[in-house]
Amino acid sequence: MNKTVRYLMYVVITIICILSIIVGVSTLETRNARINNETLSKNLVEPEEIEESTTEKFKKLFTNQFEDPKVNGLTIQKMDDSKPIVYEESQTIKQDGKYSIDAHLPVINLTSEIAKKCNNETVQNFASKVSALMSTQTEMLYTIYETSFAAFLNNNVLSVAIMGSIKEGTNAQRVIIKTYNFNIVTGEEVKIGDILSKENRDIDTTAVNKKINAEVKKAAEEAESVSQTGYEVFKRNVEDTMYNVANVTNFIQGPQGELYIIYAYGNTNNTYEMDVIEV
């Protein structure tokens, strides 16, 4: 074999090797690109929806609206026949450097004594704060005050919940929740035992107590974990007798009759913390 032929063979072999390397690198880059694209696609896929907490679900009920249901065959004594059983009175006003008020409060449009009592308490507990903020002439912390309500009628039982939030200066936000439950026909107050013992429920109070205790204990443990990081948190006393279902006074029935038990700690403390248990 002469030198020329041998040289050409070396050149051909070298070219083949170079082409093989190029093809190999190209294939590897294509594979990596495909893997990266698949990974990116997976990352762009909508994450699984996080289950909504009972508290968030409860807060969404506060729409400041009430759909007056048909109550055929019932005699309902209203204060104003042109308005629904529950209607809204609202006031939104701001005063630079002083306050921002967005108040939406329910008026129970019934002539019964318990309806009048509820309306009076609404004025005392919530509306009076609006008047106090607007009438003060002294220097005050800038205050944000908001109220909203939820109202539902289930089997002649009217449930009304009012939520008030107040934030004064740099002080912690405080959330207050007050509820009312009564029969619109008899005018009698409805207690939680009455709801649990209904034929369509017939719920064992022992089971309800277990659920309350389990959820409150979990919230207390989570708060304790947060406090260990240096943050100030509201601490629950899981041994408090208020967690016994027999002592529950703050509750409402939702639009489908679902029962919400509410522990609004801002009712007696300067906090926005609450525990809501759905039964």
Protein backbone atom coordinates (compact mmCIF):
# COMPACT_ATOMS: atom_id res chain seq x y z
CA MET A 1 0.00 0.00 0.00
CA ASN A 2 1.60 3.26 -1.09
CA LYS A 3 1.84 6.32 1.14
CA THR A 4 -0.87 8.27 -0.67
CA VAL A 5 -3.48 5.57 -0.17
CA ARG A 6 -2.45 5.13 3.47
CA TYR A 7 -2.72 8.89 4.03
CA LEU A 8 -6.19 9.01 2.51
CA MET A 9 -7.30 6.18 4.76
CA TYR A 10 -6.08 8.05 7.85
CA VAL A 11 -7.96 11.15 6.71
CA VAL A 12 -11.19 9.22 6.13
CA ILE A 13 -10.94 7.48 9.52
CA THR A 14 -10.30 10.80 11.26
CA ILE A 15 -13.29 12.40 9.55
CA ILE A 16 -15.50 9.45 10.53
CA CYS A 17 -14.36 9.77 14.17
CA ILE A 18 -15.03 13.51 14.20
CA LEU A 19 -18.50 13.00 12.69
CA SER A 20 -19.25 10.31 15.27
CA ILE A 21 -18.29 12.67 18.09
CA ILE A 22 -20.43 15.45 16.63
CA VAL A 23 -23.42 13.14 16.23
CA GLY A 24 -22.96 11.85 19.79
CA VAL A 25 -22.75 15.34 21.28
CA SER A 26 -25.77 16.47 19.28
CA THR A 27 -27.78 13.47 20.43
CA LEU A 28 -26.82 14.11 24.05
CA GLU A 29 -27.78 17.79 23.80
CA THR A 30 -31.10 16.87 22.20
CA ARG A 31 -31.79 14.35 24.96
CA ASN A 32 -30.88 16.85 27.69
CA ALA A 33 -33.04 19.50 26.06
CA ARG A 34 -35.95 17.07 25.92
CA ILE A 35 -35.48 16.17 29.60
CA ASN A 36 -35.27 19.86 30.55
CA ASN A 37 -38.41 20.63 28.56
CA GLU A 38 -40.26 17.76 30.21
CA THR A 39 -39.13 18.94 33.63
CA LEU A 40 -40.17 22.51 32.82
CA SER A 41 -43.52 21.31 31.56
CA LYS A 42 -44.08 19.38 34.79
CA ASN A 43 -43.20 22.47 36.80
CA LEU A 44 -45.63 24.55 34.78
CA VAL A 45 -48.51 22.18 35.40
CA GLU A 46 -51.05 23.70 37.76
CA PRO A 47 -50.25 22.55 41.29
CA GLU A 48 -52.86 20.57 43.16
CA GLU A 49 -55.35 22.87 44.78
CA ILE A 50 -54.74 23.33 48.47
CA GLU A 51 -57.86 22.37 50.39
CA GLU A 52 -59.62 25.45 51.68
CA SER A 53 -59.68 25.72 55.45
CA THR A 54 -62.98 25.81 57.31
CA THR A 55 -62.15 29.30 58.59
CA GLU A 56 -61.61 30.65 55.07
CA LYS A 57 -64.79 28.95 53.89
CA PHE A 58 -66.65 30.52 56.79
CA LYS A 59 -65.31 34.02 56.07
CA LYS A 60 -66.57 33.80 52.49
CA LEU A 61 -70.13 33.60 53.83
CA PHE A 62 -69.95 37.28 54.80
CA THR A 63 -71.37 38.74 51.59
CA ASN A 64 -73.67 41.34 53.19
CA GLN A 65 -76.57 39.81 51.28
CA PHE A 66 -79.68 37.87 52.19
CA GLU A 67 -81.98 36.17 49.74
CA ASP A 68 -85.49 36.45 51.09
CA PRO A 69 -86.89 32.92 50.68
CA LYS A 70 -90.46 32.05 49.90
CA VAL A 71 -92.28 31.35 53.15
CA ASN A 72 -95.64 30.31 51.78
CA GLY A 73 -98.24 29.51 54.41
CA LEU A 74 -96.32 31.26 57.17
CA THR A 75 -97.34 34.42 58.89
CA ILE A 76 -94.27 36.65 59.08
CA GLN A 77 -94.68 39.96 60.86
CA LYS A 78 -92.24 42.45 59.31
CA MET A 79 -91.48 45.99 60.36
CA ASP A 80 -91.41 46.97 56.68
CA ASP A 81 -93.22 44.70 54.22
CA SER A 82 -91.36 46.21 51.27
CA LYS A 83 -88.02 44.87 52.51
CA PRO A 84 -86.65 41.35 53.02
CA ILE A 85 -86.40 39.62 56.40
CA VAL A 86 -82.79 40.82 56.66
CA TYR A 87 -81.54 43.90 54.85
CA GLU A 88 -78.35 45.92 54.88
CA GLU A 89 -77.50 49.33 56.25
CA SER A 90 -74.04 50.52 55.25
CA GLN A 91 -71.69 53.43 55.60
CA THR A 92 -68.32 53.96 53.96
CA ILE A 93 -66.33 57.05 54.85
CA LYS A 94 -62.71 58.14 55.27
CA GLN A 95 -61.12 60.97 57.22
CA ASP A 96 -57.47 61.61 56.37
CA GLY A 97 -55.23 60.93 59.33
CA LYS A 98 -58.11 59.66 61.46
CA TYR A 99 -60.09 56.71 60.16
CA SER A 100 -61.32 54.53 57.33
CA ILE A 101 -64.79 53.07 57.90
CA ASP A 102 -66.49 50.42 55.77
CA ALA A 103 -69.49 49.25 57.76
CA HIS A 104 -72.13 46.82 56.49
CA LEU A 105 -74.63 45.82 59.16
CA PRO A 106 -77.81 43.73 59.08
CA VAL A 107 -81.24 44.91 60.13
CA ILE A 108 -83.58 42.07 61.07
CA ASN A 109 -86.90 43.16 59.64
CA LEU A 110 -89.21 41.40 62.09
CA THR A 111 -91.44 42.69 64.85
CA SER A 112 -90.61 39.97 67.38
CA GLU A 113 -88.94 40.88 70.67
CA ILE A 114 -85.89 38.75 69.91
CA ALA A 115 -85.43 40.50 66.55
CA LYS A 116 -85.57 43.87 68.30
CA LYS A 117 -83.05 42.63 70.86
CA CYS A 118 -80.67 41.53 68.08
CA ASN A 119 -80.98 44.87 66.31
CA ASN A 120 -80.32 46.78 69.54
CA GLU A 121 -77.22 44.71 70.26
CA THR A 122 -75.96 45.30 66.72
CA VAL A 123 -76.20 49.02 67.31
CA GLN A 124 -74.48 48.79 70.70
CA ASN A 125 -71.72 46.40 69.64
CA PHE A 126 -70.95 47.63 66.13
CA ALA A 127 -72.77 50.74 64.93
CA SER A 128 -71.84 52.73 68.05
CA LYS A 129 -68.15 52.37 67.14
CA VAL A 130 -68.81 54.11 63.83
CA SER A 131 -70.49 57.01 65.62
CA ALA A 132 -67.67 57.21 68.17
CA LEU A 133 -64.99 57.36 65.48
CA MET A 134 -66.80 60.03 63.51
CA SER A 135 -67.64 62.23 66.49
CA THR A 136 -64.30 62.22 68.32
CA GLN A 137 -62.56 65.59 68.36
CA THR A 138 -59.43 64.47 70.14
CA GLU A 139 -56.24 63.15 68.59
CA MET A 140 -56.49 59.46 67.81
CA LEU A 141 -54.58 56.61 66.22
CA TYR A 142 -55.45 56.09 62.57
CA THR A 143 -58.19 53.47 62.72
CA ILE A 144 -59.45 51.03 60.10
CA TYR A 145 -62.88 49.71 61.01
CA GLU A 146 -64.81 47.20 58.89
CA THR A 147 -67.95 45.18 59.50
CA SER A 148 -69.79 42.61 57.40
CA PHE A 149 -72.55 40.07 57.91
CA ALA A 150 -73.90 36.71 56.82
CA ALA A 151 -77.56 35.66 57.11
CA PHE A 152 -79.32 32.41 56.20
CA LEU A 153 -82.71 30.83 56.76
CA ASN A 154 -83.03 27.05 57.25
CA ASN A 155 -86.31 25.43 58.26
CA ASN A 156 -87.60 28.71 59.73
CA VAL A 157 -84.40 29.17 61.74
CA LEU A 158 -82.73 32.48 60.96
CA SER A 159 -78.97 32.57 61.51
CA VAL A 160 -77.17 35.92 61.45
CA ALA A 161 -73.46 36.48 62.04
CA ILE A 162 -71.76 39.88 62.23
CA MET A 163 -67.99 40.23 61.94
CA GLY A 164 -66.22 43.42 62.97
CA SER A 165 -62.53 44.14 62.39
CA ILE A 166 -60.68 47.05 63.97
CA LYS A 167 -57.05 48.10 63.51
CA GLU A 168 -55.85 51.09 65.52
CA GLY A 169 -52.44 52.43 64.54
CA THR A 170 -49.76 49.77 64.93
CA ASN A 171 -51.82 47.80 67.44
CA ALA A 172 -52.80 44.24 66.60
CA GLN A 173 -55.93 43.76 64.54
CA ARG A 174 -58.95 42.66 66.54
CA VAL A 175 -61.81 40.63 65.06
CA ILE A 176 -65.15 40.29 66.83
CA ILE A 177 -67.94 37.92 65.76
CA LYS A 178 -71.45 37.91 67.15
CA THR A 179 -74.17 35.45 66.10
CA TYR A 180 -77.94 35.18 66.49
CA ASN A 181 -80.17 32.16 65.90
CA PHE A 182 -83.93 32.15 66.34
CA ASN A 183 -87.14 30.79 64.87
CA ILE A 184 -88.85 33.44 62.73
CA VAL A 185 -92.30 31.94 63.38
CA THR A 186 -92.23 31.32 67.12
CA GLY A 187 -89.72 34.05 67.94
CA GLU A 188 -87.85 31.64 70.19
CA GLU A 189 -84.08 31.55 70.50
CA VAL A 190 -82.50 28.46 68.94
CA LYS A 191 -79.61 26.89 70.84
CA ILE A 192 -76.95 24.59 69.47
CA GLY A 193 -78.54 21.59 71.19
CA ASP A 194 -81.72 22.26 69.22
CA ILE A 195 -79.74 22.13 65.96
CA LEU A 196 -77.85 18.94 66.86
CA SER A 197 -80.97 17.10 67.99
CA LYS A 198 -82.97 17.76 64.83
CA GLU A 199 -84.27 14.62 63.13
CA ASN A 200 -82.24 15.31 59.99
CA ARG A 201 -79.07 15.63 62.07
CA ASP A 202 -79.33 13.67 65.34
CA ILE A 203 -75.60 14.19 65.96
CA ASP A 204 -73.93 12.67 68.98
CA THR A 205 -72.56 15.48 71.15
CA THR A 206 -69.65 13.26 72.18
CA ALA A 207 -68.51 13.12 68.55
CA VAL A 208 -68.86 16.90 68.24
CA ASN A 209 -66.80 17.40 71.39
CA LYS A 210 -64.07 15.15 70.03
CA LYS A 211 -63.94 17.14 66.79
CA ILE A 212 -63.81 20.47 68.62
CA ASN A 213 -61.06 19.29 70.94
CA ALA A 214 -59.00 17.78 68.11
CA GLU A 215 -59.12 20.92 65.95
CA VAL A 216 -58.49 23.34 68.82
CA LYS A 217 -55.59 21.21 70.06
CA LYS A 218 -54.07 21.21 66.57
CA ALA A 219 -54.39 25.01 66.35
CA ALA A 220 -52.83 25.36 69.81
CA GLU A 221 -49.87 23.18 68.81
CA GLU A 222 -49.34 25.19 65.62
CA ALA A 223 -49.43 28.44 67.60
CA GLU A 224 -46.92 27.04 70.07
CA SER A 225 -44.54 26.16 67.20
CA VAL A 226 -44.80 29.71 65.87
CA SER A 227 -44.19 31.21 69.32
CA GLN A 228 -40.93 29.27 69.59
CA THR A 229 -39.61 31.22 66.59
CA GLY A 230 -39.99 34.44 68.54
CA TYR A 231 -43.38 35.60 67.27
CA GLU A 232 -46.10 36.66 69.67
CA VAL A 233 -49.19 34.50 69.22
CA PHE A 234 -52.55 33.98 70.87
CA LYS A 235 -52.37 30.92 73.11
CA ARG A 236 -55.41 28.72 73.57
CA ASN A 237 -56.23 26.95 76.80
CA VAL A 238 -57.43 23.61 75.46
CA GLU A 239 -58.77 22.70 78.91
CA ASP A 240 -61.21 25.65 78.93
CA THR A 241 -64.83 24.55 79.40
CA MET A 242 -65.91 26.81 76.53
CA TYR A 243 -64.77 24.01 74.21
CA ASN A 244 -67.56 21.80 75.55
CA VAL A 245 -70.35 21.80 72.97
CA ALA A 246 -72.90 22.32 75.75
CA ASN A 247 -71.37 25.78 76.35
CA VAL A 248 -71.29 26.90 72.70
CA THR A 249 -73.17 30.14 72.07
CA ASN A 250 -71.45 31.44 68.92
CA PHE A 251 -72.68 29.44 65.91
CA ILE A 252 -74.67 29.73 62.70
CA GLN A 253 -76.16 27.50 60.04
CA GLY A 254 -74.81 28.12 56.55
CA PRO A 255 -76.73 28.28 53.24
CA GLN A 256 -77.14 24.50 53.08
CA GLY A 257 -77.83 24.07 56.78
CA GLU A 258 -74.20 23.23 57.60
CA LEU A 259 -73.33 24.11 61.20
CA TYR A 260 -70.39 26.35 62.03
CA ILE A 261 -69.16 26.62 65.63
CA ILE A 262 -67.11 29.79 66.07
CA TYR A 263 -64.47 30.59 68.66
CA ALA A 264 -63.68 34.24 67.97
CA TYR A 265 -60.99 35.04 70.53
CA GLY A 266 -61.14 38.72 69.60
CA ASN A 267 -64.50 38.90 71.40
CA THR A 268 -62.60 39.06 74.69
CA ASN A 269 -58.96 39.57 73.62
CA ASN A 270 -57.04 41.88 71.33
CA THR A 271 -56.53 39.34 68.54
CA TYR A 272 -57.85 38.35 65.11
CA GLU A 273 -57.42 34.62 65.84
CA MET A 274 -60.39 32.33 65.59
CA ASP A 275 -61.20 28.64 65.35
CA VAL A 276 -64.16 27.58 63.21
CA ILE A 277 -65.41 24.00 63.33
CA GLU A 278 -67.90 22.73 60.77
CA VAL A 279 -70.24 19.97 61.92
